Each structure stands twice: as C-alpha cells, then as structure tokens.
C-alpha cells in the first residue's frame, strides 16, 4: 500500500506535522519545517526525474547559454 497515493491521508499527515512544529517549535520551528520541506521537494523532484539540477545550475551560472 502506497500511503502517499491517498491525497486525503497525505494532507492529514502534513497537517499533523505542521501542527507539531508550530506547537513545539513556534515560529522558528515553522520556518525550519518550510526549509526542510523545500529541500525535500527538490530532492524528490530530482529523484523522480522531474527536475534536472545540473541543467538548472548551469543555466543559473550562465554556462548553459550558447
């Protein structure tokens, strides 16, 4: 069973995690949660093949321009 295939359950789990960070970490805990969520999303997109970090970095540095 893929737990992330059920969007409702995934939303509930994300809500619980956010509530935990806000309750015990305050505003700083929420900022850490957001930071790690972005990093996790980028890593997940790279692993899924939706994002090519090498191409993104080369175009951001100007090396990808012809």
PDB file of N, CA and C in Angstrom:
ATOM      1  N   UNK A   1       0.841  -1.183   0.000  1.00  0.00           N
ATOM      2  CA  UNK A   1       0.000   0.000   0.000  1.00  0.00           C
ATOM      3  C   UNK A   1       0.882   1.240   0.000  1.00  0.00           C
ATOM      4  N   UNK A   2       0.683   2.090  -0.994  1.00  0.00           N
ATOM      5  CA  UNK A   2       1.424   3.344  -1.068  1.00  0.00           C
ATOM      6  C   UNK A   2       0.657   4.405  -0.303  1.00  0.00           C
ATOM      7  N   UNK A   3       1.178   4.816   0.838  1.00  0.00           N
ATOM      8  CA  UNK A   3       0.468   5.751   1.710  1.00  0.00           C
ATOM      9  C   UNK A   3       0.316   7.131   1.057  1.00  0.00           C
ATOM     10  N   UNK A   4       1.233   7.495   0.149  1.00  0.00           N
ATOM     11  CA  UNK A   4       1.181   8.804  -0.460  1.00  0.00           C
ATOM     12  C   UNK A   4       0.259   8.861  -1.673  1.00  0.00           C
ATOM     13  N   UNK A   5      -0.306   7.727  -2.075  1.00  0.00           N
ATOM     14  CA  UNK A   5      -1.248   7.715  -3.180  1.00  0.00           C
ATOM     15  C   UNK A   5      -2.600   8.271  -2.742  1.00  0.00           C
ATOM     16  N   UNK A   6      -2.912   8.160  -1.459  1.00  0.00           N
ATOM     17  CA  UNK A   6      -4.151   8.695  -0.920  1.00  0.00           C
ATOM     18  C   UNK A   6      -3.917  10.147  -0.513  1.00  0.00           C
ATOM     19  N   UNK A   7      -4.417  11.083  -1.296  1.00  0.00           N
ATOM     20  CA  UNK A   7      -4.155  12.508  -1.070  1.00  0.00           C
ATOM     21  C   UNK A   7      -4.774  13.016   0.224  1.00  0.00           C
ATOM     22  N   UNK A   8      -5.902  12.463   0.625  1.00  0.00           N
ATOM     23  CA  UNK A   8      -6.538  12.891   1.873  1.00  0.00           C
ATOM     24  C   UNK A   8      -5.666  12.525   3.062  1.00  0.00           C
ATOM     25  N   UNK A   9      -5.178  11.303   3.086  1.00  0.00           N
ATOM     26  CA  UNK A   9      -4.323  10.859   4.179  1.00  0.00           C
ATOM     27  C   UNK A   9      -3.012  11.639   4.190  1.00  0.00           C
ATOM     28  N   UNK A  10      -2.474  11.906   3.016  1.00  0.00           N
ATOM     29  CA  UNK A  10      -1.247  12.692   2.923  1.00  0.00           C
ATOM     30  C   UNK A  10      -1.472  14.089   3.481  1.00  0.00           C
ATOM     31  N   UNK A  11      -2.599  14.707   3.148  1.00  0.00           N
ATOM     32  CA  UNK A  11      -2.925  16.033   3.672  1.00  0.00           C
ATOM     33  C   UNK A  11      -3.075  16.043   5.187  1.00  0.00           C
ATOM     34  N   UNK A  12      -3.688  15.000   5.718  1.00  0.00           N
ATOM     35  CA  UNK A  12      -3.848  14.895   7.169  1.00  0.00           C
ATOM     36  C   UNK A  12      -2.489  14.758   7.839  1.00  0.00           C
ATOM     37  N   UNK A  13      -1.618  13.915   7.281  1.00  0.00           N
ATOM     38  CA  UNK A  13      -0.284  13.732   7.859  1.00  0.00           C
ATOM     39  C   UNK A  13       0.530  15.026   7.810  1.00  0.00           C
ATOM     40  N   UNK A  14       0.437  15.743   6.711  1.00  0.00           N
ATOM     41  CA  UNK A  14       1.143  17.024   6.606  1.00  0.00           C
ATOM     42  C   UNK A  14       0.599  18.002   7.629  1.00  0.00           C
ATOM     43  N   UNK A  15      -0.708  18.030   7.812  1.00  0.00           N
ATOM     44  CA  UNK A  15      -1.309  18.899   8.817  1.00  0.00           C
ATOM     45  C   UNK A  15      -0.844  18.579  10.224  1.00  0.00           C
ATOM     46  N   UNK A  16      -0.713  17.295  10.533  1.00  0.00           N
ATOM     47  CA  UNK A  16      -0.230  16.883  11.859  1.00  0.00           C
ATOM     48  C   UNK A  16       1.215  17.324  12.061  1.00  0.00           C
ATOM     49  N   UNK A  17       2.037  17.160  11.037  1.00  0.00           N
ATOM     50  CA  UNK A  17       3.442  17.567  11.137  1.00  0.00           C
ATOM     51  C   UNK A  17       3.551  19.072  11.323  1.00  0.00           C
ATOM     52  N   UNK A  18       2.782  19.839  10.556  1.00  0.00           N
ATOM     53  CA  UNK A  18       2.805  21.300  10.695  1.00  0.00           C
ATOM     54  C   UNK A  18       2.336  21.705  12.086  1.00  0.00           C
ATOM     55  N   UNK A  19       1.274  21.084  12.575  1.00  0.00           N
ATOM     56  CA  UNK A  19       0.778  21.398  13.912  1.00  0.00           C
ATOM     57  C   UNK A  19       1.828  21.090  14.975  1.00  0.00           C
ATOM     58  N   UNK A  20       2.537  19.987  14.817  1.00  0.00           N
ATOM     59  CA  UNK A  20       3.596  19.626  15.767  1.00  0.00           C
ATOM     60  C   UNK A  20       4.686  20.688  15.790  1.00  0.00           C
ATOM     61  N   UNK A  21       5.146  21.105  14.603  1.00  0.00           N
ATOM     62  CA  UNK A  21       6.210  22.095  14.542  1.00  0.00           C
ATOM     63  C   UNK A  21       5.765  23.442  15.080  1.00  0.00           C
ATOM     64  N   UNK A  22       4.546  23.840  14.812  1.00  0.00           N
ATOM     65  CA  UNK A  22       4.057  25.124  15.303  1.00  0.00           C
ATOM     66  C   UNK A  22       3.871  25.076  16.818  1.00  0.00           C
ATOM     67  N   UNK A  23       3.356  23.952  17.327  1.00  0.00           N
ATOM     68  CA  UNK A  23       3.104  23.828  18.760  1.00  0.00           C
ATOM     69  C   UNK A  23       4.392  23.798  19.568  1.00  0.00           C
ATOM     70  N   UNK A  24       5.351  23.012  19.135  1.00  0.00           N
ATOM     71  CA  UNK A  24       6.563  22.826  19.917  1.00  0.00           C
ATOM     72  C   UNK A  24       7.738  23.668  19.451  1.00  0.00           C
ATOM     73  N   UNK A  25       7.671  24.201  18.258  1.00  0.00           N
ATOM     74  CA  UNK A  25       8.792  24.968  17.744  1.00  0.00           C
ATOM     75  C   UNK A  25       8.497  26.442  17.559  1.00  0.00           C
ATOM     76  N   UNK A  26       7.235  26.822  17.674  1.00  0.00           N
ATOM     77  CA  UNK A  26       6.869  28.212  17.468  1.00  0.00           C
ATOM     78  C   UNK A  26       7.133  28.644  16.033  1.00  0.00           C
ATOM     79  N   UNK A  27       7.371  29.929  15.853  1.00  0.00           N
ATOM     80  CA  UNK A  27       7.604  30.471  14.515  1.00  0.00           C
ATOM     81  C   UNK A  27       8.904  29.922  13.925  1.00  0.00           C
ATOM     82  N   UNK A  28       9.921  29.769  14.758  1.00  0.00           N
ATOM     83  CA  UNK A  28      11.191  29.242  14.268  1.00  0.00           C
ATOM     84  C   UNK A  28      11.035  27.796  13.811  1.00  0.00           C
ATOM     85  N   UNK A  29      10.262  27.009  14.521  1.00  0.00           N
ATOM     86  CA  UNK A  29      10.008  25.630  14.111  1.00  0.00           C
ATOM     87  C   UNK A  29       9.276  25.562  12.786  1.00  0.00           C
ATOM     88  N   UNK A  30       8.358  26.505  12.569  1.00  0.00           N
ATOM     89  CA  UNK A  30       7.642  26.546  11.305  1.00  0.00           C
ATOM     90  C   UNK A  30       8.581  26.904  10.157  1.00  0.00           C
ATOM     91  N   UNK A  31       9.511  27.818  10.391  1.00  0.00           N
ATOM     92  CA  UNK A  31      10.482  28.178   9.359  1.00  0.00           C
ATOM     93  C   UNK A  31      11.387  26.999   9.006  1.00  0.00           C
ATOM     94  N   UNK A  32      11.811  26.237  10.021  1.00  0.00           N
ATOM     95  CA  UNK A  32      12.614  25.043   9.763  1.00  0.00           C
ATOM     96  C   UNK A  32      11.809  24.025   8.953  1.00  0.00           C
ATOM     97  N   UNK A  33      10.528  23.880   9.321  1.00  0.00           N
ATOM     98  CA  UNK A  33       9.660  22.963   8.587  1.00  0.00           C
ATOM     99  C   UNK A  33       9.580  23.370   7.118  1.00  0.00           C
ATOM    100  N   UNK A  34       9.390  24.647   6.851  1.00  0.00           N
ATOM    101  CA  UNK A  34       9.300  25.121   5.472  1.00  0.00           C
ATOM    102  C   UNK A  34      10.608  24.904   4.719  1.00  0.00           C
ATOM    103  N   UNK A  35      11.726  25.178   5.372  1.00  0.00           N
ATOM    104  CA  UNK A  35      13.028  24.992   4.736  1.00  0.00           C
ATOM    105  C   UNK A  35      13.246  23.536   4.351  1.00  0.00           C
ATOM    106  N   UNK A  36      13.020  22.631   5.290  1.00  0.00           N
ATOM    107  CA  UNK A  36      13.232  21.219   5.012  1.00  0.00           C
ATOM    108  C   UNK A  36      12.211  20.674   4.013  1.00  0.00           C
ATOM    109  N   UNK A  37      11.014  21.238   3.993  1.00  0.00           N
ATOM    110  CA  UNK A  37      10.021  20.829   3.007  1.00  0.00           C
ATOM    111  C   UNK A  37      10.465  21.199   1.602  1.00  0.00           C
ATOM    112  N   UNK A  38      11.013  22.391   1.444  1.00  0.00           N
ATOM    113  CA  UNK A  38      11.507  22.819   0.132  1.00  0.00           C
ATOM    114  C   UNK A  38      12.673  21.936  -0.312  1.00  0.00           C
ATOM    115  N   UNK A  39      13.609  21.701   0.596  1.00  0.00           N
ATOM    116  CA  UNK A  39      14.754  20.850   0.268  1.00  0.00           C
ATOM    117  C   UNK A  39      14.283  19.433  -0.086  1.00  0.00           C
ATOM    118  N   UNK A  40      13.364  18.900   0.682  1.00  0.00           N
ATOM    119  CA  UNK A  40      12.838  17.573   0.400  1.00  0.00           C
ATOM    120  C   UNK A  40      12.103  17.521  -0.929  1.00  0.00           C
ATOM    121  N   UNK A  41      11.366  18.570  -1.245  1.00  0.00           N
ATOM    122  CA  UNK A  41      10.676  18.625  -2.528  1.00  0.00           C
ATOM    123  C   UNK A  41      11.637  18.659  -3.700  1.00  0.00           C
ATOM    124  N   UNK A  42      12.721  19.415  -3.548  1.00  0.00           N
ATOM    125  CA  UNK A  42      13.725  19.498  -4.612  1.00  0.00           C
ATOM    126  C   UNK A  42      14.418  18.153  -4.796  1.00  0.00           C
ATOM    127  N   UNK A  43      14.794  17.521  -3.697  1.00  0.00           N
ATOM    128  CA  UNK A  43      15.440  16.207  -3.782  1.00  0.00           C
ATOM    129  C   UNK A  43      14.486  15.183  -4.387  1.00  0.00           C
ATOM    130  N   UNK A  44      13.231  15.205  -3.967  1.00  0.00           N
ATOM    131  CA  UNK A  44      12.253  14.274  -4.516  1.00  0.00           C
ATOM    132  C   UNK A  44      12.025  14.488  -6.002  1.00  0.00           C
ATOM    133  N   UNK A  45      11.960  15.756  -6.422  1.00  0.00           N
ATOM    134  CA  UNK A  45      11.772  16.050  -7.847  1.00  0.00           C
ATOM    135  C   UNK A  45      12.976  15.603  -8.658  1.00  0.00           C
ATOM    136  N   UNK A  46      14.162  15.742  -8.103  1.00  0.00           N
ATOM    137  CA  UNK A  46      15.378  15.276  -8.782  1.00  0.00           C
ATOM    138  C   UNK A  46      15.349  13.756  -8.929  1.00  0.00           C
ATOM    139  N   UNK A  47      14.982  13.062  -7.865  1.00  0.00           N
ATOM    140  CA  UNK A  47      14.944  11.601  -7.898  1.00  0.00           C
ATOM    141  C   UNK A  47      13.842  11.081  -8.812  1.00  0.00           C
ATOM    142  N   UNK A  48      12.728  11.807  -8.922  1.00  0.00           N
ATOM    143  CA  UNK A  48      11.635  11.415  -9.813  1.00  0.00           C
ATOM    144  C   UNK A  48      11.932  11.728 -11.264  1.00  0.00           C
ATOM    145  N   UNK A  49      12.939  12.540 -11.520  1.00  0.00           N
ATOM    146  CA  UNK A  49      13.260  12.922 -12.881  1.00  0.00           C
ATOM    147  C   UNK A  49      12.481  14.121 -13.368  1.00  0.00           C
ATOM    148  N   UNK A  50      11.790  14.808 -12.476  1.00  0.00           N
ATOM    149  CA  UNK A  50      11.017  15.997 -12.850  1.00  0.00           C
ATOM    150  C   UNK A  50      11.876  17.247 -12.903  1.00  0.00           C
ATOM    151  N   UNK A  51      13.039  17.182 -12.312  1.00  0.00           N
ATOM    152  CA  UNK A  51      13.913  18.339 -12.200  1.00  0.00           C
ATOM    153  C   UNK A  51      15.339  17.892 -12.485  1.00  0.00           C
ATOM    154  N   UNK A  52      16.052  18.673 -13.288  1.00  0.00           N
ATOM    155  CA  UNK A  52      17.447  18.372 -13.593  1.00  0.00           C
ATOM    156  C   UNK A  52      18.303  19.465 -12.946  1.00  0.00           C
ATOM    157  N   UNK A  53      18.860  19.164 -11.783  1.00  0.00           N
ATOM    158  CA  UNK A  53      19.623  20.167 -11.047  1.00  0.00           C
ATOM    159  C   UNK A  53      20.879  20.596 -11.784  1.00  0.00           C
ATOM    160  N   UNK A  54      21.517  19.688 -12.513  1.00  0.00           N
ATOM    161  CA  UNK A  54      22.727  20.051 -13.258  1.00  0.00           C
ATOM    162  C   UNK A  54      22.404  21.087 -14.325  1.00  0.00           C
ATOM    163  N   UNK A  55      21.313  20.895 -15.035  1.00  0.00           N
ATOM    164  CA  UNK A  55      20.916  21.856 -16.068  1.00  0.00           C
ATOM    165  C   UNK A  55      20.500  23.173 -15.426  1.00  0.00           C
ATOM    166  N   UNK A  56      19.803  23.103 -14.314  1.00  0.00           N
ATOM    167  CA  UNK A  56      19.374  24.314 -13.617  1.00  0.00           C
ATOM    168  C   UNK A  56      20.570  25.124 -13.127  1.00  0.00           C
ATOM    169  N   UNK A  57      21.554  24.446 -12.562  1.00  0.00           N
ATOM    170  CA  UNK A  57      22.740  25.145 -12.055  1.00  0.00           C
ATOM    171  C   UNK A  57      23.567  25.731 -13.188  1.00  0.00           C
ATOM    172  N   UNK A  58      23.680  25.015 -14.308  1.00  0.00           N
ATOM    173  CA  UNK A  58      24.471  25.554 -15.423  1.00  0.00           C
ATOM    174  C   UNK A  58      23.782  26.752 -16.059  1.00  0.00           C
ATOM    175  N   UNK A  59      22.477  26.729 -16.135  1.00  0.00           N
ATOM    176  CA  UNK A  59      21.776  27.882 -16.716  1.00  0.00           C
ATOM    177  C   UNK A  59      21.771  29.059 -15.746  1.00  0.00           C
ATOM    178  N   UNK A  60      21.768  28.796 -14.456  1.00  0.00           N
ATOM    179  CA  UNK A  60      21.799  29.877 -13.463  1.00  0.00           C
ATOM    180  C   UNK A  60      23.172  30.554 -13.421  1.00  0.00           C
ATOM    181  N   UNK A  61      24.225  29.805 -13.706  1.00  0.00           N
ATOM    182  CA  UNK A  61      25.554  30.374 -13.664  1.00  0.00           C
ATOM    183  C   UNK A  61      25.965  31.001 -14.993  1.00  0.00           C
ATOM    184  N   UNK A  62      25.143  30.827 -16.017  1.00  0.00           N
ATOM    185  CA  UNK A  62      25.432  31.414 -17.321  1.00  0.00           C
ATOM    186  C   UNK A  62      26.211  30.503 -18.240  1.00  0.00           C
ATOM    187  N   UNK A  63      26.589  29.329 -17.782  1.00  0.00           N
ATOM    188  CA  UNK A  63      27.373  28.400 -18.606  1.00  0.00           C
ATOM    189  C   UNK A  63      26.511  27.694 -19.637  1.00  0.00           C
ATOM    190  N   UNK A  64      25.209  27.671 -19.432  1.00  0.00           N
ATOM    191  CA  UNK A  64      24.331  26.966 -20.341  1.00  0.00           C
ATOM    192  C   UNK A  64      23.916  27.787 -21.547  1.00  0.00           C
ATOM    193  N   UNK A  65      24.300  29.023 -21.579  1.00  0.00           N
ATOM    194  CA  UNK A  65      23.893  29.883 -22.695  1.00  0.00           C
ATOM    195  C   UNK A  65      24.854  29.718 -23.852  1.00  0.00           C
ATOM    196  N   UNK A  66      24.303  29.672 -25.042  1.00  0.00           N
ATOM    197  CA  UNK A  66      25.126  29.410 -26.214  1.00  0.00           C
ATOM    198  C   UNK A  66      25.501  30.605 -26.897  1.00  0.00           C
TER     199      UNK A  66
END
